Protein backbone atom coordinates (compact mmCIF):
# COMPACT_ATOMS: atom_id res chain seq x y z
CA GLU A 1 149.86 105.75 19.84
CA PHE A 2 146.99 104.53 17.52
CA ARG A 3 143.70 105.68 19.09
CA PHE A 4 141.46 103.11 17.19
CA SER A 5 139.02 103.13 19.85
CA GLU A 6 137.92 106.71 19.12
CA LEU A 7 137.05 105.78 15.65
CA THR A 8 133.68 104.37 16.24
CA SER A 9 132.29 104.47 12.72
CA LEU A 10 135.33 103.90 10.72
CA GLN A 11 134.79 101.58 7.62
CA GLN A 12 138.04 101.52 5.73
CA LEU A 13 141.47 101.87 7.14
CA ASP A 14 145.01 101.97 4.94
CA ILE A 15 148.06 102.06 6.99
CA THR A 16 151.80 102.12 5.80
CA CYS A 17 153.91 101.19 8.63
CA TRP A 18 157.28 103.11 9.05
CA ARG A 19 160.36 102.15 11.08
CA GLY A 20 159.44 100.83 14.55
CA ALA A 21 155.77 101.43 14.41
CA SER A 22 154.63 97.57 13.16
CA VAL A 23 154.67 95.92 16.54
CA ALA A 24 153.09 98.82 18.23
CA LEU A 25 150.34 98.87 15.65
CA CYS A 26 149.51 95.07 15.95
CA GLU A 27 149.32 95.46 19.57
CA GLN A 28 146.39 97.91 19.37
CA LEU A 29 144.62 96.75 16.10
CA ALA A 30 142.44 94.95 18.49
CA GLN A 31 140.71 98.30 19.29
CA LEU A 32 139.44 98.76 15.90
CA PRO A 33 135.80 99.14 15.61
CA SER A 34 133.33 96.27 14.66
CA THR A 35 132.29 98.79 11.81
CA LEU A 36 135.51 98.24 9.55
CA VAL A 37 134.88 96.37 6.47
CA SER A 38 138.35 97.07 4.53
CA LEU A 39 141.87 96.74 6.03
CA SER A 40 144.93 97.59 4.28
CA LEU A 41 148.46 97.24 6.10
CA ASP A 42 151.85 97.56 4.30
CA PHE A 43 154.75 96.70 6.51
CA THR A 44 157.16 96.66 3.70
CA THR A 45 159.08 99.75 4.70
CA ASP A 46 159.36 98.78 8.42
CA PHE A 47 162.33 96.40 7.97
CA LEU A 48 161.00 94.07 10.74
CA GLY A 49 163.78 91.76 10.50
CA ALA A 50 163.11 89.09 13.41
CA LEU A 51 159.91 90.68 14.57
CA GLY A 52 158.21 89.77 11.40
CA GLU A 53 157.26 86.58 12.97
CA LYS A 54 155.89 88.65 16.05
CA VAL A 55 153.88 90.77 13.79
CA GLY A 56 152.36 87.70 11.83
CA ILE A 57 151.20 86.16 15.18
CA ALA A 58 149.85 89.49 16.41
CA LEU A 59 148.06 90.23 13.10
CA GLY A 60 146.44 86.77 12.85
CA THR A 61 145.15 86.85 16.40
CA THR A 62 143.61 90.17 15.88
CA LEU A 63 141.83 89.04 12.59
CA ARG A 64 140.72 85.79 14.33
CA ASP A 65 138.99 87.75 17.39
CA THR A 66 137.77 91.10 15.97
CA LEU A 67 136.22 92.75 12.72
CA PRO A 68 133.13 90.60 12.33
CA HIS A 69 132.20 92.55 9.08
CA LEU A 70 135.45 92.53 7.28
CA THR A 71 135.13 92.05 3.51
CA ALA A 72 138.33 93.36 1.99
CA LEU A 73 141.93 92.51 3.34
CA HIS A 74 145.22 93.76 1.86
CA LEU A 75 148.33 92.77 3.64
CA THR A 76 152.00 93.32 2.29
CA MET A 77 154.66 91.96 4.18
CA THR A 78 157.56 91.88 1.66
CA GLY A 79 160.68 90.66 2.85
CA GLN A 80 159.93 90.64 6.52
CA ARG A 81 161.33 87.36 7.46
CA MET A 82 158.04 85.88 8.86
CA GLY A 83 158.38 82.13 9.19
CA ASP A 84 155.75 79.33 9.09
CA LEU A 85 154.49 80.06 12.85
CA GLY A 86 153.62 83.65 11.86
CA LEU A 87 151.87 82.47 8.36
CA SER A 88 150.13 79.87 10.57
CA HIS A 89 148.30 82.47 12.63
CA LEU A 90 147.91 84.67 9.88
CA SER A 91 146.03 82.07 8.08
CA GLU A 92 143.90 81.28 10.75
CA GLY A 93 142.97 84.90 11.02
CA VAL A 94 142.02 85.31 7.46
CA ALA A 95 140.17 81.86 7.59
CA ALA A 96 138.06 83.29 10.38
CA HIS A 97 136.34 85.75 7.71
CA CYS A 98 136.36 83.25 4.94
CA GLY A 99 132.58 83.51 4.69
CA LYS A 100 132.53 87.13 4.14
CA LEU A 101 135.50 88.05 2.40
CA TYR A 102 135.12 89.37 -1.42
CA HIS A 103 138.59 90.82 -1.93
CA VAL A 104 141.91 89.26 -0.56
CA SER A 105 145.58 90.45 -1.24
CA LEU A 106 148.47 88.91 0.48
CA ASP A 107 152.14 89.75 -0.48
CA LEU A 108 154.74 87.36 1.19
CA THR A 109 157.38 87.88 -1.10
CA GLU A 110 160.73 86.92 0.01
CA ASN A 111 159.63 85.61 3.38
CA ALA A 112 161.18 82.64 5.27
CA ILE A 113 158.18 80.23 4.92
CA THR A 114 158.09 76.76 3.53
CA PRO A 115 155.94 74.99 1.11
CA GLN A 116 153.83 73.34 4.12
CA ALA A 117 152.87 77.18 5.23
CA VAL A 118 151.82 77.91 1.64
CA GLU A 119 149.67 74.96 1.70
CA GLU A 120 148.14 76.67 4.67
CA VAL A 121 147.50 79.47 2.56
CA ALA A 122 145.89 77.19 0.07
CA ASN A 123 143.58 75.83 2.73
CA THR A 124 142.58 79.31 3.69
CA VAL A 125 141.76 80.43 0.02
CA ASN A 126 139.87 77.03 -0.45
CA LYS A 127 137.41 78.42 2.16
CA CYS A 128 136.88 81.63 0.93
CA THR A 129 134.06 80.81 -1.47
CA LEU A 130 132.79 84.32 -2.01
CA LEU A 131 136.27 85.77 -3.59
CA CYS A 132 135.72 88.19 -6.25
CA SER A 133 139.54 89.53 -6.26
CA LEU A 134 142.56 87.55 -5.01
CA SER A 135 146.15 88.57 -5.22
CA LEU A 136 148.91 86.36 -3.92
CA HIS A 137 152.53 87.37 -4.03
CA LEU A 138 154.98 84.28 -3.35
CA ALA A 139 158.06 85.36 -5.18
CA LYS A 140 161.52 84.30 -3.93
CA ILE A 141 160.14 81.76 -1.45
CA PRO A 142 162.52 78.85 -1.59
CA ARG A 143 160.58 75.52 -2.92
CA CYS A 144 157.18 77.26 -3.03
CA HIS A 145 156.65 75.12 -6.28
CA HIS A 146 155.93 72.19 -4.34
CA ALA A 147 152.82 73.74 -2.71
CA VAL A 148 151.48 75.47 -6.27
CA PRO A 149 149.27 72.43 -7.30
CA LYS A 150 147.26 72.56 -4.17
CA LEU A 151 147.15 76.49 -4.19
CA LEU A 152 145.81 76.26 -8.02
CA THR A 153 143.51 73.63 -6.70
CA ALA A 154 141.96 75.87 -4.13
CA ILE A 155 141.81 78.88 -6.66
CA SER A 156 139.92 76.61 -9.09
CA ASN A 157 137.18 76.46 -6.62
CA ALA A 158 136.53 80.30 -6.44
CA LYS A 159 133.82 80.46 -9.03
CA HIS A 160 132.85 84.05 -8.22
CA LEU A 161 136.60 85.10 -8.98
CA HIS A 162 136.68 88.18 -11.39
CA SER A 163 140.38 89.31 -10.98
CA LEU A 164 143.24 86.84 -10.14
CA LYS A 165 147.06 88.19 -9.73
CA LEU A 166 149.57 85.30 -8.94
CA ASP A 167 153.31 86.18 -8.37
CA LEU A 168 155.45 83.16 -8.76
CA ARG A 169 158.80 84.51 -9.77
CA ASN A 170 162.05 82.77 -8.64
CA THR A 171 159.94 79.79 -7.34
CA ASN A 172 161.28 77.05 -9.49
CA THR A 173 157.80 76.72 -11.20
CA THR A 174 157.85 73.97 -13.75
CA ASP A 175 155.96 73.45 -17.05
CA SER A 176 153.87 70.89 -15.05
CA SER A 177 152.70 73.64 -12.87
CA VAL A 178 151.80 75.67 -15.80
CA THR A 179 149.64 72.72 -17.08
CA THR A 180 147.82 72.87 -13.62
CA LEU A 181 147.51 76.53 -13.78
CA VAL A 182 146.05 76.51 -17.46
CA THR A 183 143.40 74.13 -16.16
CA THR A 184 142.71 76.38 -13.07
CA VAL A 185 142.10 79.39 -15.10
CA LYS A 186 139.70 77.46 -17.31
CA CYS A 187 137.62 76.72 -14.30
CA LEU A 188 136.99 80.45 -13.49
CA PRO A 189 133.79 81.23 -15.60
CA VAL A 190 133.63 84.96 -14.56
CA LEU A 191 137.26 85.77 -14.47
CA ARG A 192 137.90 89.24 -16.33
CA SER A 193 141.45 89.88 -15.40
CA LEU A 194 144.51 87.67 -15.12
CA ASP A 195 148.02 88.88 -14.13
CA LEU A 196 150.69 86.14 -13.79
CA ARG A 197 154.13 86.68 -13.03
CA LEU A 198 156.38 83.89 -13.74
CA ALA A 199 159.63 85.02 -14.76
CA ASN A 200 162.88 83.29 -13.64
CA ASN A 201 161.66 79.95 -13.38
CA ASN A 202 162.23 76.50 -15.10
CA LEU A 203 159.81 77.03 -18.01
CA THR A 204 160.37 75.64 -21.44
CA SER A 205 158.80 76.12 -24.63
CA ASP A 206 156.01 73.49 -23.58
CA GLY A 207 154.84 75.60 -20.77
CA ALA A 208 155.01 78.75 -22.82
CA GLU A 209 152.95 77.29 -25.58
CA GLN A 210 150.16 76.34 -23.15
CA VAL A 211 150.12 80.07 -21.76
CA VAL A 212 150.06 81.16 -25.33
CA ASP A 213 147.02 79.10 -26.23
CA LEU A 214 145.26 80.13 -23.20
CA VAL A 215 145.67 83.68 -24.07
CA GLN A 216 144.38 82.91 -27.65
CA GLN A 217 141.06 81.69 -26.22
CA ALA A 218 140.97 84.27 -23.51
CA HIS A 219 137.49 85.82 -22.22
CA PHE A 220 139.77 87.78 -19.76
CA ALA A 221 142.36 90.72 -20.06
CA PRO A 222 145.67 89.00 -19.64
CA ASN A 223 149.13 90.30 -18.30
CA ILE A 224 151.33 87.52 -18.24
CA SER A 225 155.13 87.55 -17.76
CA LEU A 226 157.60 84.74 -18.70
CA SER A 227 160.92 86.40 -19.00
CA GLY A 228 164.00 84.78 -17.44
CA ASN A 229 162.97 81.11 -18.61
CA GLN A 230 164.10 78.61 -21.23
CA VAL A 231 161.82 80.15 -23.69
CA PRO A 232 162.69 81.15 -27.31
CA GLY A 233 162.39 84.84 -28.05
CA TRP A 234 159.84 84.16 -30.94
CA LEU A 235 157.63 82.72 -28.53
CA LEU A 236 157.84 85.52 -26.02
CA ASN A 237 157.27 87.94 -28.71
CA LYS A 238 154.10 86.04 -29.87
CA LEU A 239 152.85 86.18 -26.30
CA ALA A 240 153.42 89.90 -26.00
CA LEU A 241 151.67 90.40 -29.27
CA LEU A 242 148.70 88.23 -28.32
CA GLN A 243 148.46 90.39 -25.10
CA LEU A 244 148.40 93.54 -27.08
CA ARG A 245 145.65 92.42 -29.29
CA SER A 246 143.76 91.28 -26.24
CA ALA A 247 143.97 94.87 -24.71
CA ASP A 248 142.43 96.18 -27.93
CA GLY A 249 139.65 93.50 -27.70
CA LEU A 250 141.16 91.91 -31.05
CA VAL A 251 142.25 88.36 -29.87
CA GLY A 252 140.53 85.64 -32.14
CA CYS A 253 140.67 88.28 -35.32
CA THR A 254 142.78 87.95 -38.22
């Protein structure tokens, strides 16, 4: 039993849910005090299976109806078989706080969602105009690449974004998406940290060269992975070297 109602002045809550605890937790989250400003929930170790959808719905409902002062939200639901209905409720819950959220991390790796559901996430991101940090993990989601352009357009509107992490491994992302991605990053004037995971996609030398050009001009610290694509080794080595130089503050020096 979670006695959240007794924590009357709680401001930050971090929970990792173990086997069998997630559903009970979501049913009692509505008891969380209105003082909470930061919520972090990790469901990865609970192996929810078919219950993943139920957890997404319950969590979305709680976020929509409670926690009026929430400014930071971190949700990890890797491999929980949550579908479009669960993500729709979850997106609606996050959107209820869009005028206050500064930090959002959402890990949906290997869930059973469609590109249409990912577009709902994009719509939510587009409403969160105060975001300073954004982390989205969408790896191993079938056909996710169809929703990437809309997602990147939404991210490009987050003009206060200092930190961006985007995990698109195994999503069939192409050079065309990389073109949009580079344009998006250039629209973020105060970006200081960029973490892109693009391994095991359909990228070629064209896409990789765009990434290299971006890193050469970077005003931020890049951490970019392109392994497992149709990219020659010399180009991957060049990217790795540029990132090392960037870490030392030497990009642009000869």
